[in-house]
Amino acid sequence: LSFFFFLMIRRPPRSTLFPYTTLFRSEFFENKGIDITGLKSEGIQFVVAQASLDYKSPAFYADILDIQTKVIETSAVKFQLAYIIKKDKTDQTLVEATTTMVCVNKDLKPTRLPEDVKNKLT
């Protein structure tokens, strides 16, 4: 996943990075074969319960970034994703982030992760 934002300005404000975790998650789910739209039509959604970002080093204009997303923990109703953003050419870590995602039903009440989703996450 590329960061078009970094191509537009010299040095982006740090606060602008968090919203991009949504894009990273979307691509992650797609690559894992998890149909978020289909789950939503069945009354299943994932909400962010907790998020953290640890900025290590800045990114600059024209930096090509490598974003890695992986599952670091799962339970019956939630899972935690880790995001690592690195400079492509130097492999220098710029940002480490995590989000805890909770599976909820149409009433936004926590519910068990569907078994097929849990299997794809592990």
N, C-alpha and C. Protein backbone atom coordinates (compact mmCIF):
# COMPACT_ATOMS: atom_id res chain seq x y z
N LEU A 1 0.85 -1.18 0.00
CA LEU A 1 0.00 0.00 0.00
C LEU A 1 0.88 1.22 0.00
N SER A 2 0.61 2.16 -0.88
CA SER A 2 1.39 3.39 -0.98
C SER A 2 0.70 4.51 -0.25
N PHE A 3 1.48 5.45 0.16
CA PHE A 3 0.97 6.62 0.87
C PHE A 3 0.98 7.80 -0.08
N PHE A 4 -0.12 8.07 -0.76
CA PHE A 4 -0.16 9.21 -1.68
C PHE A 4 0.02 10.51 -0.93
N PHE A 5 -0.37 10.55 0.33
CA PHE A 5 -0.29 11.77 1.13
C PHE A 5 1.14 12.29 1.21
N PHE A 6 2.09 11.40 1.29
CA PHE A 6 3.49 11.81 1.45
C PHE A 6 4.06 12.37 0.15
N LEU A 7 3.37 12.15 -0.95
CA LEU A 7 3.83 12.71 -2.20
C LEU A 7 3.38 14.16 -2.37
N MET A 8 2.43 14.61 -1.56
CA MET A 8 1.85 15.93 -1.74
C MET A 8 2.49 17.01 -0.87
N ILE A 9 2.97 16.66 0.30
CA ILE A 9 3.56 17.68 1.16
C ILE A 9 4.91 17.23 1.68
N ARG A 10 5.71 18.20 2.07
CA ARG A 10 7.09 17.90 2.46
C ARG A 10 7.17 17.00 3.68
N ARG A 11 6.48 17.36 4.74
CA ARG A 11 6.51 16.54 5.95
C ARG A 11 5.12 16.57 6.58
N PRO A 12 4.39 15.48 6.51
CA PRO A 12 3.02 15.48 7.02
C PRO A 12 2.98 15.58 8.53
N PRO A 13 1.96 16.24 9.08
CA PRO A 13 1.81 16.27 10.53
C PRO A 13 1.57 14.85 11.05
N ARG A 14 2.11 14.56 12.20
CA ARG A 14 1.98 13.21 12.76
C ARG A 14 0.53 12.80 12.97
N SER A 15 -0.32 13.74 13.33
CA SER A 15 -1.72 13.42 13.62
C SER A 15 -2.47 12.92 12.39
N THR A 16 -1.94 13.12 11.21
CA THR A 16 -2.65 12.69 10.00
C THR A 16 -2.49 11.19 9.72
N LEU A 17 -1.62 10.52 10.42
CA LEU A 17 -1.37 9.11 10.11
C LEU A 17 -2.45 8.16 10.61
N PHE A 18 -3.05 8.44 11.76
CA PHE A 18 -4.00 7.48 12.32
C PHE A 18 -5.15 7.13 11.38
N PRO A 19 -5.79 8.12 10.71
CA PRO A 19 -6.90 7.74 9.83
C PRO A 19 -6.51 6.73 8.75
N TYR A 20 -5.24 6.69 8.39
CA TYR A 20 -4.81 5.75 7.35
C TYR A 20 -4.82 4.31 7.82
N THR A 21 -4.88 4.07 9.14
CA THR A 21 -4.96 2.68 9.60
C THR A 21 -6.23 2.02 9.07
N THR A 22 -7.27 2.81 8.79
CA THR A 22 -8.49 2.25 8.19
C THR A 22 -8.19 1.68 6.82
N LEU A 23 -7.40 2.39 6.03
CA LEU A 23 -7.01 1.88 4.72
C LEU A 23 -6.17 0.61 4.85
N PHE A 24 -5.25 0.62 5.81
CA PHE A 24 -4.40 -0.55 6.00
C PHE A 24 -5.24 -1.76 6.39
N ARG A 25 -6.22 -1.55 7.28
CA ARG A 25 -7.11 -2.64 7.69
C ARG A 25 -7.92 -3.15 6.50
N SER A 26 -8.44 -2.25 5.71
CA SER A 26 -9.25 -2.66 4.56
C SER A 26 -8.45 -3.55 3.62
N GLU A 27 -7.24 -3.15 3.32
CA GLU A 27 -6.40 -3.98 2.45
C GLU A 27 -6.06 -5.31 3.12
N PHE A 28 -5.80 -5.27 4.43
CA PHE A 28 -5.49 -6.49 5.17
C PHE A 28 -6.67 -7.48 5.08
N PHE A 29 -7.89 -6.98 5.36
CA PHE A 29 -9.07 -7.86 5.29
C PHE A 29 -9.24 -8.43 3.89
N GLU A 30 -9.07 -7.59 2.89
CA GLU A 30 -9.20 -8.04 1.51
C GLU A 30 -8.19 -9.14 1.19
N ASN A 31 -6.94 -8.94 1.60
CA ASN A 31 -5.90 -9.94 1.35
C ASN A 31 -6.15 -11.25 2.09
N LYS A 32 -6.84 -11.18 3.22
CA LYS A 32 -7.16 -12.38 3.99
C LYS A 32 -8.45 -13.05 3.51
N GLY A 33 -9.14 -12.41 2.55
CA GLY A 33 -10.39 -12.99 2.05
C GLY A 33 -11.56 -12.76 2.98
N ILE A 34 -11.52 -11.71 3.79
CA ILE A 34 -12.61 -11.38 4.71
C ILE A 34 -13.47 -10.30 4.06
N ASP A 35 -14.73 -10.65 3.79
CA ASP A 35 -15.66 -9.75 3.10
C ASP A 35 -16.38 -8.87 4.12
N ILE A 36 -15.85 -7.68 4.37
CA ILE A 36 -16.42 -6.77 5.36
C ILE A 36 -17.84 -6.36 4.98
N THR A 37 -18.07 -6.09 3.70
CA THR A 37 -19.40 -5.69 3.24
C THR A 37 -20.41 -6.82 3.47
N GLY A 38 -20.01 -8.03 3.15
CA GLY A 38 -20.88 -9.19 3.37
C GLY A 38 -21.18 -9.40 4.84
N LEU A 39 -20.17 -9.23 5.68
CA LEU A 39 -20.39 -9.38 7.13
C LEU A 39 -21.36 -8.32 7.64
N LYS A 40 -21.20 -7.10 7.14
CA LYS A 40 -22.09 -6.02 7.59
C LYS A 40 -23.54 -6.32 7.22
N SER A 41 -23.75 -6.89 6.04
CA SER A 41 -25.12 -7.24 5.63
C SER A 41 -25.70 -8.35 6.51
N GLU A 42 -24.82 -9.11 7.17
CA GLU A 42 -25.25 -10.16 8.10
C GLU A 42 -25.36 -9.63 9.53
N GLY A 43 -25.10 -8.32 9.71
CA GLY A 43 -25.21 -7.72 11.04
C GLY A 43 -23.95 -7.79 11.87
N ILE A 44 -22.81 -8.06 11.22
CA ILE A 44 -21.52 -8.16 11.92
C ILE A 44 -20.62 -7.02 11.46
N GLN A 45 -20.04 -6.30 12.43
CA GLN A 45 -19.09 -5.22 12.12
C GLN A 45 -17.93 -5.29 13.10
N PHE A 46 -16.87 -4.57 12.78
CA PHE A 46 -15.72 -4.44 13.67
C PHE A 46 -15.55 -2.96 14.01
N VAL A 47 -15.43 -2.67 15.29
CA VAL A 47 -15.22 -1.29 15.73
C VAL A 47 -13.87 -1.19 16.44
N VAL A 48 -13.28 -0.02 16.36
CA VAL A 48 -12.01 0.23 17.04
C VAL A 48 -12.29 0.50 18.51
N ALA A 49 -11.76 -0.34 19.38
CA ALA A 49 -11.94 -0.16 20.82
C ALA A 49 -10.74 0.56 21.44
N GLN A 50 -9.58 0.38 20.83
CA GLN A 50 -8.37 1.01 21.36
C GLN A 50 -7.39 1.17 20.21
N ALA A 51 -6.63 2.27 20.25
CA ALA A 51 -5.63 2.52 19.21
C ALA A 51 -4.42 3.21 19.82
N SER A 52 -3.26 2.89 19.28
CA SER A 52 -2.04 3.57 19.73
C SER A 52 -1.09 3.70 18.55
N LEU A 53 -0.32 4.77 18.57
CA LEU A 53 0.71 5.00 17.55
C LEU A 53 1.98 5.43 18.27
N ASP A 54 3.09 4.89 17.81
CA ASP A 54 4.39 5.24 18.36
C ASP A 54 5.25 5.71 17.20
N TYR A 55 5.48 7.02 17.15
CA TYR A 55 6.26 7.61 16.07
C TYR A 55 7.75 7.47 16.37
N LYS A 56 8.46 6.87 15.44
CA LYS A 56 9.89 6.62 15.62
C LYS A 56 10.75 7.62 14.86
N SER A 57 10.31 7.97 13.64
CA SER A 57 11.10 8.82 12.76
C SER A 57 10.17 9.44 11.72
N PRO A 58 10.49 10.62 11.20
CA PRO A 58 9.59 11.27 10.23
C PRO A 58 9.72 10.69 8.83
N ALA A 59 8.68 10.91 8.05
CA ALA A 59 8.69 10.62 6.61
C ALA A 59 8.73 11.95 5.89
N PHE A 60 9.29 11.95 4.71
CA PHE A 60 9.45 13.18 3.94
C PHE A 60 8.93 13.01 2.52
N TYR A 61 8.86 14.12 1.83
CA TYR A 61 8.41 14.16 0.45
C TYR A 61 9.09 13.07 -0.38
N ALA A 62 8.29 12.37 -1.15
CA ALA A 62 8.73 11.34 -2.08
C ALA A 62 9.24 10.06 -1.41
N ASP A 63 9.11 9.95 -0.09
CA ASP A 63 9.46 8.68 0.54
C ASP A 63 8.49 7.60 0.08
N ILE A 64 9.01 6.46 -0.25
CA ILE A 64 8.19 5.30 -0.55
C ILE A 64 8.13 4.49 0.73
N LEU A 65 6.91 4.19 1.16
CA LEU A 65 6.75 3.52 2.45
C LEU A 65 6.20 2.12 2.27
N ASP A 66 6.64 1.23 3.15
CA ASP A 66 6.15 -0.14 3.19
C ASP A 66 5.32 -0.27 4.46
N ILE A 67 4.07 -0.70 4.31
CA ILE A 67 3.18 -0.86 5.45
C ILE A 67 2.88 -2.33 5.64
N GLN A 68 3.17 -2.83 6.83
CA GLN A 68 2.91 -4.23 7.16
C GLN A 68 1.82 -4.26 8.22
N THR A 69 0.83 -5.12 8.02
CA THR A 69 -0.26 -5.28 8.98
C THR A 69 -0.34 -6.76 9.34
N LYS A 70 -0.42 -7.03 10.64
CA LYS A 70 -0.53 -8.43 11.05
C LYS A 70 -1.36 -8.54 12.33
N VAL A 71 -1.95 -9.71 12.54
CA VAL A 71 -2.71 -9.99 13.76
C VAL A 71 -1.73 -10.38 14.84
N ILE A 72 -1.87 -9.76 16.01
CA ILE A 72 -0.97 -10.12 17.10
C ILE A 72 -1.70 -10.81 18.26
N GLU A 73 -3.05 -10.74 18.24
CA GLU A 73 -3.81 -11.40 19.30
C GLU A 73 -5.26 -11.56 18.85
N THR A 74 -5.87 -12.68 19.22
CA THR A 74 -7.30 -12.88 18.97
C THR A 74 -7.94 -13.45 20.22
N SER A 75 -9.23 -13.18 20.38
CA SER A 75 -10.01 -13.80 21.44
C SER A 75 -11.39 -14.08 20.86
N ALA A 76 -12.34 -14.41 21.70
CA ALA A 76 -13.67 -14.77 21.22
C ALA A 76 -14.39 -13.62 20.52
N VAL A 77 -14.17 -12.38 21.00
CA VAL A 77 -14.92 -11.25 20.45
C VAL A 77 -14.04 -10.13 19.89
N LYS A 78 -12.71 -10.26 19.99
CA LYS A 78 -11.86 -9.17 19.52
C LYS A 78 -10.54 -9.69 18.97
N PHE A 79 -9.86 -8.80 18.26
CA PHE A 79 -8.52 -9.11 17.77
C PHE A 79 -7.72 -7.82 17.74
N GLN A 80 -6.42 -7.98 17.81
CA GLN A 80 -5.54 -6.81 17.79
C GLN A 80 -4.64 -6.88 16.56
N LEU A 81 -4.57 -5.75 15.86
CA LEU A 81 -3.72 -5.64 14.68
C LEU A 81 -2.52 -4.75 14.99
N ALA A 82 -1.38 -5.10 14.43
CA ALA A 82 -0.18 -4.28 14.53
C ALA A 82 0.14 -3.77 13.13
N TYR A 83 0.55 -2.51 13.06
CA TYR A 83 0.94 -1.88 11.80
C TYR A 83 2.37 -1.39 11.96
N ILE A 84 3.20 -1.70 11.00
CA ILE A 84 4.57 -1.21 11.00
C ILE A 84 4.78 -0.48 9.69
N ILE A 85 5.16 0.78 9.78
CA ILE A 85 5.42 1.59 8.59
C ILE A 85 6.92 1.82 8.52
N LYS A 86 7.52 1.43 7.40
CA LYS A 86 8.96 1.55 7.21
C LYS A 86 9.26 2.30 5.93
N LYS A 87 10.44 2.92 5.90
CA LYS A 87 10.93 3.48 4.64
C LYS A 87 11.35 2.32 3.77
N ASP A 88 10.89 2.33 2.54
CA ASP A 88 11.10 1.20 1.65
C ASP A 88 12.58 0.92 1.38
N LYS A 89 13.35 1.94 1.09
CA LYS A 89 14.74 1.70 0.69
C LYS A 89 15.67 1.42 1.86
N THR A 90 15.40 2.01 3.03
CA THR A 90 16.30 1.84 4.16
C THR A 90 15.81 0.82 5.18
N ASP A 91 14.55 0.44 5.08
CA ASP A 91 13.92 -0.47 6.03
C ASP A 91 13.85 0.13 7.43
N GLN A 92 13.98 1.46 7.53
CA GLN A 92 13.91 2.15 8.81
C GLN A 92 12.46 2.23 9.29
N THR A 93 12.20 1.83 10.52
CA THR A 93 10.85 1.90 11.08
C THR A 93 10.51 3.35 11.39
N LEU A 94 9.38 3.81 10.84
CA LEU A 94 8.91 5.17 11.07
C LEU A 94 7.80 5.21 12.12
N VAL A 95 6.88 4.25 12.04
CA VAL A 95 5.73 4.23 12.93
C VAL A 95 5.39 2.79 13.29
N GLU A 96 5.05 2.58 14.55
CA GLU A 96 4.47 1.32 14.99
C GLU A 96 3.12 1.66 15.60
N ALA A 97 2.09 0.95 15.19
CA ALA A 97 0.74 1.24 15.67
C ALA A 97 0.00 -0.05 15.96
N THR A 98 -1.02 0.04 16.79
CA THR A 98 -1.91 -1.09 17.05
C THR A 98 -3.35 -0.60 17.13
N THR A 99 -4.27 -1.46 16.75
CA THR A 99 -5.68 -1.22 16.99
C THR A 99 -6.30 -2.50 17.53
N THR A 100 -7.16 -2.35 18.52
CA THR A 100 -7.93 -3.47 19.03
C THR A 100 -9.32 -3.34 18.43
N MET A 101 -9.72 -4.37 17.70
CA MET A 101 -10.99 -4.39 16.99
C MET A 101 -11.95 -5.34 17.71
N VAL A 102 -13.17 -4.85 17.99
CA VAL A 102 -14.18 -5.66 18.65
C VAL A 102 -15.27 -5.99 17.65
N CYS A 103 -15.67 -7.23 17.63
CA CYS A 103 -16.76 -7.69 16.78
C CYS A 103 -18.08 -7.33 17.46
N VAL A 104 -18.96 -6.62 16.74
CA VAL A 104 -20.25 -6.21 17.30
C VAL A 104 -21.38 -6.62 16.36
N ASN A 105 -22.58 -6.74 16.94
CA ASN A 105 -23.77 -7.04 16.13
C ASN A 105 -24.43 -5.74 15.68
N LYS A 106 -25.60 -5.83 15.06
CA LYS A 106 -26.27 -4.64 14.52
C LYS A 106 -26.66 -3.65 15.61
N ASP A 107 -26.75 -4.11 16.84
CA ASP A 107 -27.07 -3.22 17.97
C ASP A 107 -25.80 -2.69 18.65
N LEU A 108 -24.66 -2.95 18.02
CA LEU A 108 -23.34 -2.54 18.54
C LEU A 108 -22.99 -3.19 19.87
N LYS A 109 -23.52 -4.38 20.10
CA LYS A 109 -23.19 -5.17 21.29
C LYS A 109 -22.11 -6.17 20.89
N PRO A 110 -21.10 -6.35 21.75
CA PRO A 110 -20.05 -7.34 21.43
C PRO A 110 -20.65 -8.71 21.15
N THR A 111 -20.11 -9.35 20.13
CA THR A 111 -20.56 -10.69 19.75
C THR A 111 -19.34 -11.51 19.31
N ARG A 112 -19.49 -12.80 19.32
CA ARG A 112 -18.38 -13.68 18.95
C ARG A 112 -17.95 -13.45 17.50
N LEU A 113 -16.65 -13.54 17.29
CA LEU A 113 -16.12 -13.51 15.94
C LEU A 113 -16.66 -14.72 15.17
N PRO A 114 -17.15 -14.52 13.96
CA PRO A 114 -17.54 -15.69 13.17
C PRO A 114 -16.34 -16.64 13.03
N GLU A 115 -16.60 -17.91 13.09
CA GLU A 115 -15.52 -18.91 13.07
C GLU A 115 -14.65 -18.80 11.83
N ASP A 116 -15.27 -18.57 10.66
CA ASP A 116 -14.49 -18.46 9.43
C ASP A 116 -13.56 -17.23 9.47
N VAL A 117 -14.03 -16.14 10.06
CA VAL A 117 -13.20 -14.94 10.20
C VAL A 117 -12.04 -15.22 11.14
N LYS A 118 -12.35 -15.84 12.27
CA LYS A 118 -11.30 -16.15 13.25
C LYS A 118 -10.23 -17.06 12.62
N ASN A 119 -10.65 -18.02 11.81
CA ASN A 119 -9.70 -18.92 11.15
C ASN A 119 -8.81 -18.15 10.18
N LYS A 120 -9.38 -17.18 9.47
CA LYS A 120 -8.60 -16.39 8.51
C LYS A 120 -7.64 -15.44 9.21
N LEU A 121 -7.96 -15.06 10.43
CA LEU A 121 -7.09 -14.15 11.18
C LEU A 121 -5.90 -14.86 11.81
N THR A 122 -6.03 -16.16 12.01
CA THR A 122 -4.94 -16.89 12.68
C THR A 122 -4.06 -17.63 11.70
